[in-house]
Amino acid sequence: MKLKTVYICSKCNKESSKWSGQCFSCNAWNTLMEDVVNVGKAGKTIKTAVSVPTITLKETNEKKTDRLKTQIGELDRVLGGGFVHDAVVLMVGNPGIGKSTLTLQVCDRMSKLGQKVLYISGEESGSQIGSRARRLGLTEQVHLLNQNNLEAILASIEAEKPGFIVVDSVQVIASEELPSQAGSMTQIRYVTEALMQVAKSKGIPVLLIGHVTKEGNLAGPQVLTHLVDTVLYLEGDNHHSFRLLRSTKNRFGAIDEVGVFTMEEKGLQEVSNPSEIFLEGRAESPIGSVIVPVLEGTRTFLVEVQALTNYTQFGYPKRTASGFDLNRLNIIIAVLNRYANLKLDSSDVYVNVVGGLKLSEPAADLAVAMAIVSSKLKQPIPCDMAIFGELGLSGEIRTVSQLKKRLKELEKLGLSKAVIPKGKEKQEVDLELQETRSVKDLVNELFERSNSKE
């Protein structure tokens, strides 16, 4: 077997004989990843393939997927009920977001449940991990292995026979069988396949920790996400205590669930009622502030959306959004200009989602629009009112999914009013509902246009 080093673009899969900062095929920057291919001549001996008998779907037996519950409710929710015994789970997140902290807490819970936990670290020493565990008040029953050689790791797993494995991180593990360096496309793929074979053959759940790029995407080849069973993203703002755990792939559960944590001195703590925390500290009837119920998986959060308009000092007005899509904001501003006669051409517009959350569902459109109108007209929206709905390009307000569930959350948090899209079904809730069909009618009903000049 004769090996040759090549470089493959992670976007277009174009192969190159030498590394370059830019792909010559798709012109993408920093996408060429090192790989190794076999260029030797094939042997003359050809083995005859043996046919394998097939079975029908009716003959297959349903396998019961028992799960290892971590007793961390928010994590078990995202996983779909806990770790499946032979699953390979990948957790990624920005540096300092809390991946290692959450991993140690999971290891502590697993060891208390009677599982032998093996923590494999290729980046930190045992003393560093032990110091963090003592700071978090965790037990010392977790077995540590400071190693980045794949063959040594596999030998240790065979000798220790653990019931739960953590690898921190998969990008620093390398095999002696390959000439490339740790972190290359070939090494990451080879290491992941070897650990996946351990998980599937021995029935041991494996938790891999991964790095992300500066854009927030998973570092390394995309084949890594195809190999593992579950991909978890731990996200949040370092300036806020909130941490959100999302699942972008899960072969054993739903991918629309989200877990909410707060970073405290003793590690990541679960948040049972996120709405109360997201609305904490909200002023009484503030200008440019609107409450919107958003869906995250099977849960409903009440989030505060803030907007600020200011006369622009330049010829081109500025639009800035934190936690909201900027392109969607430009569409909302265009609709308000055209159909609500708001005249935002000479105003800078700033939108912020309180708490570091990122809103992506269309139900937040109407809340963002009314927050902008409130700031522009300098008139507050009642603090006990929530607004939600999808905004169309012709100024119409469209209905959203699970309307009743959103209204129930408003009742639970003590709100008394809600502006909702006009629909055919009558909602039986103890709220004062205001149904509307167009953004123009809603602006005229909520605000007095006499103060429209800035």
Protein backbone atom coordinates (compact mmCIF):
# COMPACT_ATOMS: atom_id res chain seq x y z
CA MET A 1 0.00 0.00 0.00
CA LYS A 2 1.44 3.37 -1.06
CA LEU A 3 0.05 6.45 0.63
CA LYS A 4 -0.01 9.98 -0.73
CA THR A 5 -0.94 13.22 1.03
CA VAL A 6 -3.60 15.30 -0.73
CA TYR A 7 -5.74 18.28 0.23
CA ILE A 8 -9.52 18.17 -0.18
CA CYS A 9 -11.87 21.15 -0.05
CA SER A 10 -14.46 20.69 2.71
CA LYS A 11 -17.07 22.58 0.66
CA CYS A 12 -16.77 21.28 -2.90
CA ASN A 13 -14.63 18.14 -2.27
CA LYS A 14 -12.15 19.23 -4.96
CA GLU A 15 -8.80 17.46 -4.56
CA SER A 16 -5.47 19.30 -4.77
CA SER A 17 -1.88 18.09 -4.58
CA LYS A 18 -0.72 21.02 -2.46
CA TRP A 19 -2.21 23.27 0.18
CA SER A 20 -3.48 26.72 -0.67
CA GLY A 21 -5.31 29.37 1.27
CA GLN A 22 -8.10 29.48 -1.32
CA CYS A 23 -9.78 26.62 -3.15
CA PHE A 24 -9.17 26.92 -6.90
CA SER A 25 -12.56 25.35 -7.66
CA CYS A 26 -15.11 27.16 -5.43
CA ASN A 27 -12.88 30.10 -4.32
CA ALA A 28 -13.64 29.42 -0.63
CA TRP A 29 -10.95 30.43 1.88
CA ASN A 30 -9.28 28.10 4.42
CA THR A 31 -11.27 25.02 3.38
CA LEU A 32 -8.48 22.70 2.16
CA MET A 33 -8.09 19.82 4.61
CA GLU A 34 -5.23 17.31 4.63
CA ASP A 35 -6.06 13.73 3.70
CA VAL A 36 -4.24 10.54 2.77
CA VAL A 37 -5.12 8.32 -0.19
CA ASN A 38 -3.76 5.00 -1.41
CA VAL A 39 -2.06 5.36 -4.81
CA GLY A 40 -0.46 1.89 -4.88
CA LYS A 41 -1.34 -0.69 -7.49
CA ALA A 42 -4.06 -3.12 -6.62
CA GLY A 43 -2.97 -6.71 -5.97
CA LYS A 44 -3.58 -9.41 -8.50
CA THR A 45 -5.40 -11.65 -6.04
CA ILE A 46 -9.10 -10.89 -6.02
CA LYS A 47 -11.27 -12.49 -3.35
CA THR A 48 -14.66 -13.76 -4.38
CA ALA A 49 -17.47 -11.92 -2.61
CA VAL A 50 -19.84 -14.05 -0.56
CA SER A 51 -23.52 -13.22 -0.66
CA VAL A 52 -25.27 -12.37 2.60
CA PRO A 53 -28.84 -13.53 3.19
CA THR A 54 -31.45 -10.80 3.45
CA ILE A 55 -34.51 -10.45 5.67
CA THR A 56 -37.74 -8.51 5.31
CA LEU A 57 -38.79 -5.61 7.53
CA LYS A 58 -41.47 -7.83 9.03
CA GLU A 59 -38.83 -10.28 10.25
CA THR A 60 -36.79 -7.65 12.08
CA ASN A 61 -37.08 -7.51 15.86
CA GLU A 62 -37.64 -4.17 17.54
CA LYS A 63 -34.67 -3.45 19.77
CA LYS A 64 -35.47 -1.83 23.07
CA THR A 65 -33.18 1.16 23.51
CA ASP A 66 -32.52 1.32 27.23
CA ARG A 67 -31.06 4.64 28.29
CA LEU A 68 -28.65 5.83 30.93
CA LYS A 69 -30.29 8.82 32.58
CA THR A 70 -27.86 11.44 33.86
CA GLN A 71 -30.49 12.86 36.27
CA ILE A 72 -29.72 16.25 34.73
CA GLY A 73 -33.22 16.92 33.45
CA GLU A 74 -32.34 19.50 30.81
CA LEU A 75 -29.65 17.27 29.29
CA ASP A 76 -31.83 14.15 29.36
CA ARG A 77 -34.60 16.15 27.64
CA VAL A 78 -32.31 17.12 24.74
CA LEU A 79 -30.92 13.59 24.42
CA GLY A 80 -34.43 12.16 24.24
CA GLY A 81 -34.39 10.50 27.66
CA GLY A 82 -30.71 9.89 28.37
CA PHE A 83 -27.69 8.20 26.76
CA VAL A 84 -28.34 5.14 24.62
CA HIS A 85 -25.89 2.37 25.60
CA ASP A 86 -24.04 2.13 22.28
CA ALA A 87 -24.44 5.76 21.16
CA VAL A 88 -21.67 8.16 20.16
CA VAL A 89 -22.56 11.72 21.17
CA LEU A 90 -20.64 14.78 20.00
CA MET A 91 -20.80 18.00 22.07
CA VAL A 92 -19.42 21.21 20.61
CA GLY A 93 -19.35 24.85 21.67
CA ASN A 94 -17.22 27.97 21.81
CA PRO A 95 -14.16 28.03 24.09
CA GLY A 96 -15.09 28.84 27.69
CA ILE A 97 -18.81 28.22 27.17
CA GLY A 98 -18.91 25.35 29.69
CA LYS A 99 -18.39 22.11 27.73
CA SER A 100 -15.82 20.67 30.16
CA THR A 101 -17.86 21.83 33.16
CA LEU A 102 -21.03 20.11 31.94
CA THR A 103 -19.03 17.01 30.98
CA LEU A 104 -17.57 16.71 34.48
CA GLN A 105 -21.03 17.06 35.98
CA VAL A 106 -22.27 14.26 33.69
CA CYS A 107 -19.32 12.07 34.73
CA ASP A 108 -20.08 12.73 38.39
CA ARG A 109 -23.73 11.74 37.97
CA MET A 110 -22.77 8.61 36.03
CA SER A 111 -20.30 7.51 38.70
CA LYS A 112 -22.92 8.00 41.42
CA LEU A 113 -25.27 5.77 39.41
CA GLY A 114 -22.71 2.95 39.57
CA GLN A 115 -21.09 3.38 36.15
CA LYS A 116 -17.31 3.21 35.80
CA VAL A 117 -16.42 6.44 34.00
CA LEU A 118 -13.23 6.90 31.98
CA TYR A 119 -12.36 10.53 31.20
CA ILE A 120 -9.78 10.72 28.38
CA SER A 121 -8.14 14.13 28.07
CA GLY A 122 -5.69 15.03 25.34
CA GLU A 123 -5.49 18.71 26.26
CA GLU A 124 -5.54 19.06 30.07
CA SER A 125 -3.51 17.25 32.69
CA GLY A 126 -5.07 15.17 35.44
CA SER A 127 -4.27 17.83 38.05
CA GLN A 128 -6.11 20.50 36.05
CA ILE A 129 -9.20 18.34 35.70
CA GLY A 130 -9.06 17.37 39.37
CA SER A 131 -8.77 21.01 40.42
CA ARG A 132 -11.90 21.89 38.41
CA ALA A 133 -13.79 18.93 39.86
CA ARG A 134 -12.96 19.97 43.44
CA ARG A 135 -14.00 23.54 42.69
CA LEU A 136 -17.36 22.25 41.44
CA GLY A 137 -17.75 20.05 44.53
CA LEU A 138 -17.79 16.81 42.54
CA THR A 139 -16.72 13.34 43.68
CA GLU A 140 -13.34 11.88 42.78
CA GLN A 141 -14.52 8.48 41.51
CA VAL A 142 -13.94 9.32 37.83
CA HIS A 143 -10.96 7.56 36.21
CA LEU A 144 -8.67 9.94 34.29
CA LEU A 145 -6.40 9.19 31.34
CA ASN A 146 -4.14 11.90 29.93
CA GLN A 147 -3.36 10.54 26.46
CA ASN A 148 -3.68 11.59 22.80
CA ASN A 149 -2.47 8.37 21.16
CA LEU A 150 -5.36 6.35 19.78
CA GLU A 151 -3.73 2.93 20.16
CA ALA A 152 -2.91 3.61 23.82
CA ILE A 153 -6.47 4.82 24.41
CA LEU A 154 -7.98 1.69 22.87
CA ALA A 155 -5.68 -0.51 24.99
CA SER A 156 -6.71 1.37 28.15
CA ILE A 157 -10.39 0.97 27.31
CA GLU A 158 -9.86 -2.77 26.85
CA ALA A 159 -8.10 -3.02 30.21
CA GLU A 160 -10.35 -0.71 32.26
CA LYS A 161 -13.68 -1.91 30.81
CA PRO A 162 -15.55 1.35 31.59
CA GLY A 163 -19.30 1.85 31.40
CA PHE A 164 -19.09 5.45 30.11
CA ILE A 165 -16.34 7.14 28.08
CA VAL A 166 -15.54 10.82 27.58
CA VAL A 167 -12.96 12.02 25.01
CA ASP A 168 -11.83 15.65 25.36
CA SER A 169 -11.30 16.47 22.60
CA VAL A 170 -11.53 14.35 19.47
CA GLN A 171 -9.49 16.85 17.41
CA VAL A 172 -6.28 16.26 19.43
CA ILE A 173 -6.33 12.44 19.25
CA ALA A 174 -4.09 10.87 16.58
CA SER A 175 -3.24 7.37 15.40
CA GLU A 176 0.25 6.05 14.66
CA GLU A 177 -1.16 4.18 11.66
CA LEU A 178 -1.53 7.43 9.70
CA PRO A 179 1.26 9.87 8.79
CA SER A 180 -0.88 13.00 9.09
CA GLN A 181 -1.06 15.24 12.14
CA ALA A 182 -3.79 15.33 14.79
CA GLY A 183 -6.77 17.42 13.71
CA SER A 184 -6.47 16.60 10.01
CA MET A 185 -9.43 15.25 8.11
CA THR A 186 -7.96 11.75 7.95
CA GLN A 187 -7.09 11.56 11.64
CA ILE A 188 -10.47 12.86 12.86
CA ARG A 189 -12.32 10.42 10.67
CA TYR A 190 -10.11 7.46 11.63
CA VAL A 191 -10.24 8.23 15.37
CA THR A 192 -14.02 8.69 15.35
CA GLU A 193 -14.56 5.43 13.47
CA ALA A 194 -12.36 3.57 15.97
CA LEU A 195 -14.23 4.97 18.97
CA MET A 196 -17.55 4.31 17.26
CA GLN A 197 -16.51 0.67 16.80
CA VAL A 198 -15.80 0.47 20.54
CA ALA A 199 -19.21 1.92 21.37
CA LYS A 200 -21.14 -0.37 19.03
CA SER A 201 -19.26 -3.59 19.83
CA LYS A 202 -19.08 -3.19 23.61
CA GLY A 203 -22.31 -1.24 24.20
CA ILE A 204 -20.53 1.69 25.88
CA PRO A 205 -21.86 5.24 25.39
CA VAL A 206 -19.11 7.59 24.21
CA LEU A 207 -19.22 11.37 24.64
CA LEU A 208 -16.88 13.28 22.32
CA ILE A 209 -15.97 16.93 22.85
CA GLY A 210 -15.33 18.94 19.68
CA HIS A 211 -13.96 22.34 18.74
CA VAL A 212 -15.72 25.02 16.71
CA THR A 213 -14.43 27.55 14.21
CA LYS A 214 -14.57 31.31 14.68
CA GLU A 215 -17.87 31.29 12.76
CA GLY A 216 -19.34 28.91 15.36
CA ASN A 217 -19.37 25.85 13.07
CA LEU A 218 -17.94 22.46 13.92
CA ALA A 219 -14.21 22.32 13.23
CA GLY A 220 -12.98 19.49 11.01
CA PRO A 221 -14.70 17.50 8.27
CA GLN A 222 -18.47 17.29 8.04
CA VAL A 223 -18.13 13.51 7.91
CA LEU A 224 -17.74 13.69 11.69
CA THR A 225 -21.37 14.77 12.10
CA HIS A 226 -22.46 11.92 9.82
CA LEU A 227 -20.59 9.29 11.84
CA VAL A 228 -21.88 10.14 15.31
CA ASP A 229 -25.40 9.41 16.52
CA THR A 230 -26.10 12.73 18.24
CA VAL A 231 -24.69 16.25 17.89
CA LEU A 232 -25.18 18.69 20.78
CA TYR A 233 -24.42 22.40 20.59
CA LEU A 234 -23.80 24.32 23.82
CA GLU A 235 -24.28 27.97 23.02
CA GLY A 236 -24.58 31.25 24.86
CA ASP A 237 -22.96 34.60 25.46
CA ASN A 238 -19.94 34.85 27.74
CA HIS A 239 -21.39 38.11 29.08
CA HIS A 240 -24.63 36.36 30.15
CA SER A 241 -25.11 33.45 32.52
CA PHE A 242 -27.55 31.62 30.24
CA ARG A 243 -26.44 28.54 28.33
CA LEU A 244 -28.64 26.76 25.78
CA LEU A 245 -28.07 23.12 24.83
CA ARG A 246 -29.50 22.20 21.43
CA SER A 247 -29.52 19.02 19.39
CA THR A 248 -28.92 19.34 15.65
CA LYS A 249 -28.87 15.58 15.05
CA ASN A 250 -30.32 12.77 17.14
CA ARG A 251 -30.94 9.26 15.90
CA PHE A 252 -32.72 8.36 19.13
CA GLY A 253 -34.91 11.40 19.75
CA ALA A 254 -36.23 14.74 18.55
CA ILE A 255 -33.89 17.49 17.36
CA ASP A 256 -36.06 20.46 18.33
CA GLU A 257 -35.61 20.22 22.10
CA VAL A 258 -33.54 22.74 24.03
CA GLY A 259 -32.06 22.68 27.53
CA VAL A 260 -31.57 25.87 29.53
CA PHE A 261 -28.78 26.29 32.09
CA THR A 262 -27.21 29.10 34.06
CA MET A 263 -23.47 29.26 34.74
CA GLU A 264 -22.88 29.54 38.47
CA GLU A 265 -20.02 28.96 40.89
CA LYS A 266 -20.89 25.28 41.26
CA GLY A 267 -21.18 24.69 37.51
CA LEU A 268 -24.13 24.65 35.14
CA GLN A 269 -27.47 24.65 36.94
CA GLU A 270 -30.79 23.71 35.37
CA VAL A 271 -33.46 26.35 34.77
CA SER A 272 -36.94 24.93 35.29
CA ASN A 273 -38.85 28.12 34.36
CA PRO A 274 -36.77 30.16 31.88
CA SER A 275 -39.51 32.73 31.22
CA GLU A 276 -39.27 34.21 34.72
CA ILE A 277 -35.52 34.69 34.35
CA PHE A 278 -35.70 36.14 30.83
CA LEU A 279 -38.26 38.74 31.97
CA GLU A 280 -36.49 39.54 35.24
CA GLY A 281 -35.63 43.21 35.65
CA ARG A 282 -38.06 44.46 32.98
CA ALA A 283 -39.18 48.03 33.54
CA GLU A 284 -42.81 49.08 33.87
CA SER A 285 -44.25 49.95 30.43
CA PRO A 286 -40.90 50.66 28.73
CA ILE A 287 -40.79 52.28 25.33
CA GLY A 288 -39.66 49.96 22.54
CA SER A 289 -40.15 46.75 24.54
CA VAL A 290 -42.46 43.83 23.68
CA ILE A 291 -42.99 40.37 25.18
CA VAL A 292 -43.23 37.47 22.72
CA PRO A 293 -43.87 33.75 23.43
CA VAL A 294 -41.49 31.63 21.36
CA LEU A 295 -41.36 27.86 20.95
CA GLU A 296 -38.17 25.89 21.58
CA GLY A 297 -38.99 22.25 21.00
CA THR A 298 -41.88 21.31 23.27
CA ARG A 299 -41.38 24.33 25.54
CA THR A 300 -42.62 27.90 25.39
CA PHE A 301 -40.44 30.80 26.52
CA LEU A 302 -41.51 34.37 27.13
CA VAL A 303 -38.80 36.65 25.78
CA GLU A 304 -38.42 40.41 25.80
CA VAL A 305 -37.63 42.08 22.46
CA GLN A 306 -36.24 45.62 22.55
CA ALA A 307 -35.96 48.17 19.74
CA LEU A 308 -34.43 51.61 19.52
CA THR A 309 -34.82 54.14 16.71
CA ASN A 310 -32.65 57.23 16.43
CA TYR A 311 -32.26 59.96 13.84
CA THR A 312 -29.35 58.97 11.62
CA GLN A 313 -26.34 61.24 11.40
CA PHE A 314 -25.33 59.84 8.04
CA GLY A 315 -26.94 59.54 4.63
CA TYR A 316 -27.54 55.79 4.98
CA PRO A 317 -29.45 54.60 8.09
CA LYS A 318 -27.91 51.84 10.17
CA ARG A 319 -29.69 48.58 11.05
CA THR A 320 -28.26 46.41 13.84
CA ALA A 321 -29.72 43.25 15.36
CA SER A 322 -28.55 41.16 18.32
CA GLY A 323 -30.27 37.78 18.58
CA PHE A 324 -32.41 38.39 15.49
CA ASP A 325 -31.75 37.87 11.80
CA LEU A 326 -30.60 41.10 10.17
CA ASN A 327 -32.12 40.25 6.78
CA ARG A 328 -35.47 39.59 8.44
CA LEU A 329 -35.19 42.94 10.24
CA ASN A 330 -34.69 44.75 6.94
CA ILE A 331 -37.84 43.10 5.58
CA ILE A 332 -39.86 44.17 8.64
CA ILE A 333 -38.62 47.75 8.29
CA ALA A 334 -39.60 47.78 4.61
CA VAL A 335 -43.12 46.54 5.45
CA LEU A 336 -43.51 49.22 8.15
CA ASN A 337 -42.37 51.89 5.71
CA ARG A 338 -44.77 50.78 3.00
CA TYR A 339 -47.92 49.75 4.87
CA ALA A 340 -47.70 51.50 8.27
CA ASN A 341 -46.37 54.80 6.88
CA LEU A 342 -43.72 54.90 9.60
CA LYS A 343 -40.97 56.67 7.57
CA LEU A 344 -37.90 54.86 8.90
CA ASP A 345 -35.68 55.96 5.99
CA SER A 346 -33.98 58.59 8.16
CA SER A 347 -33.75 56.52 11.37
CA ASP A 348 -31.17 54.07 12.65
CA VAL A 349 -32.85 50.93 13.98
CA TYR A 350 -31.40 48.69 16.69
CA VAL A 351 -33.04 45.44 17.84
CA ASN A 352 -31.97 43.35 20.82
CA VAL A 353 -33.27 40.06 22.28
CA VAL A 354 -32.79 40.15 26.05
CA GLY A 355 -30.87 37.32 27.68
CA GLY A 356 -28.59 36.43 24.77
CA LEU A 357 -31.22 34.30 23.02
CA LYS A 358 -31.41 33.97 19.24
CA LEU A 359 -34.91 34.11 17.76
CA SER A 360 -35.45 32.41 14.43
CA GLU A 361 -39.15 31.50 14.28
CA PRO A 362 -41.58 33.77 12.35
CA ALA A 363 -43.79 34.35 15.42
CA ALA A 364 -41.36 37.03 16.58
CA ASP A 365 -41.90 39.19 13.47
CA LEU A 366 -44.87 41.12 14.84
CA ALA A 367 -43.20 41.66 18.22
CA VAL A 368 -40.11 43.15 16.56
CA ALA A 369 -42.30 45.35 14.36
CA MET A 370 -44.32 46.72 17.28
CA ALA A 371 -41.18 47.34 19.32
CA ILE A 372 -39.84 49.46 16.45
CA VAL A 373 -43.14 51.36 16.17
CA SER A 374 -43.18 51.95 19.94
CA SER A 375 -39.70 53.42 19.86
CA LYS A 376 -40.38 55.52 16.77
CA LEU A 377 -43.60 57.01 18.16
CA LYS A 378 -42.20 57.25 21.71
CA GLN A 379 -45.25 55.43 23.10
CA PRO A 380 -45.00 52.40 25.42
CA ILE A 381 -46.82 49.11 25.01
CA PRO A 382 -48.62 47.84 28.16
CA CYS A 383 -46.25 45.73 30.23
CA ASP A 384 -48.89 42.98 30.67
CA MET A 385 -49.37 42.55 26.92
CA ALA A 386 -47.71 40.03 24.62
CA ILE A 387 -47.60 40.31 20.82
CA PHE A 388 -46.79 37.61 18.30
CA GLY A 389 -47.48 36.68 14.68
CA GLU A 390 -45.81 36.28 11.30
CA LEU A 391 -45.55 39.39 9.15
CA GLY A 392 -46.12 39.04 5.40
CA LEU A 393 -44.67 41.21 2.64
CA SER A 394 -48.06 42.78 1.91
CA GLY A 395 -48.52 43.86 5.52
CA GLU A 396 -50.78 40.96 6.49
CA ILE A 397 -50.39 39.13 9.80
CA ARG A 398 -50.40 35.36 9.50
CA THR A 399 -51.17 32.80 12.17
CA VAL A 400 -48.48 30.75 13.92
CA SER A 401 -48.29 27.16 15.15
CA GLN A 402 -49.43 25.99 18.61
CA LEU A 403 -51.30 29.20 19.37
CA LYS A 404 -53.10 27.76 22.40
CA LYS A 405 -49.86 26.59 23.98
CA ARG A 406 -48.38 30.07 23.74
CA LEU A 407 -51.46 31.63 25.32
CA LYS A 408 -51.34 29.14 28.21
CA GLU A 409 -47.78 30.24 28.98
CA LEU A 410 -48.92 33.87 29.05
CA GLU A 411 -51.61 32.95 31.57
CA LYS A 412 -49.09 31.05 33.67
CA LEU A 413 -46.78 34.08 33.92
CA GLY A 414 -49.63 36.45 34.87
CA LEU A 415 -50.04 38.44 31.66
CA SER A 416 -53.57 39.66 30.89
CA LYS A 417 -53.50 40.82 27.24
CA ALA A 418 -52.31 39.38 23.95
CA VAL A 419 -52.30 40.52 20.35
CA ILE A 420 -52.67 37.52 18.05
CA PRO A 421 -53.34 36.89 14.34
CA LYS A 422 -57.02 36.70 13.46
CA GLY A 423 -58.13 33.09 13.02
CA LYS A 424 -61.22 30.96 12.62
CA GLU A 425 -61.00 29.16 15.98
CA LYS A 426 -62.06 30.86 19.18
CA GLN A 427 -59.45 30.66 21.92
CA GLU A 428 -60.89 29.83 25.34
CA VAL A 429 -58.37 31.45 27.68
CA ASP A 430 -58.55 33.96 30.52
CA LEU A 431 -56.82 36.64 28.47
CA GLU A 432 -57.99 39.79 26.79
CA LEU A 433 -57.32 38.88 23.16
CA GLN A 434 -56.96 41.40 20.37
CA GLU A 435 -57.09 39.78 16.93
CA THR A 436 -55.71 41.62 13.93
CA ARG A 437 -55.19 40.97 10.23
CA SER A 438 -52.83 43.74 9.08
CA VAL A 439 -49.95 45.66 10.56
CA LYS A 440 -51.55 48.97 9.53
CA ASP A 441 -54.70 48.28 11.56
CA LEU A 442 -52.66 47.16 14.57
CA VAL A 443 -50.50 50.30 14.56
CA ASN A 444 -53.62 52.49 14.42
CA GLU A 445 -55.23 50.55 17.28
CA LEU A 446 -52.24 50.50 19.63
CA PHE A 447 -50.72 53.93 19.05
CA GLU A 448 -51.72 57.52 18.57
CA ARG A 449 -50.11 58.86 15.43
CA SER A 450 -50.02 62.46 16.69
CA ASN A 451 -46.54 61.94 18.16
CA SER A 452 -45.05 60.35 15.07
CA LYS A 453 -42.38 63.02 14.44
CA GLU A 454 -38.95 62.66 16.05
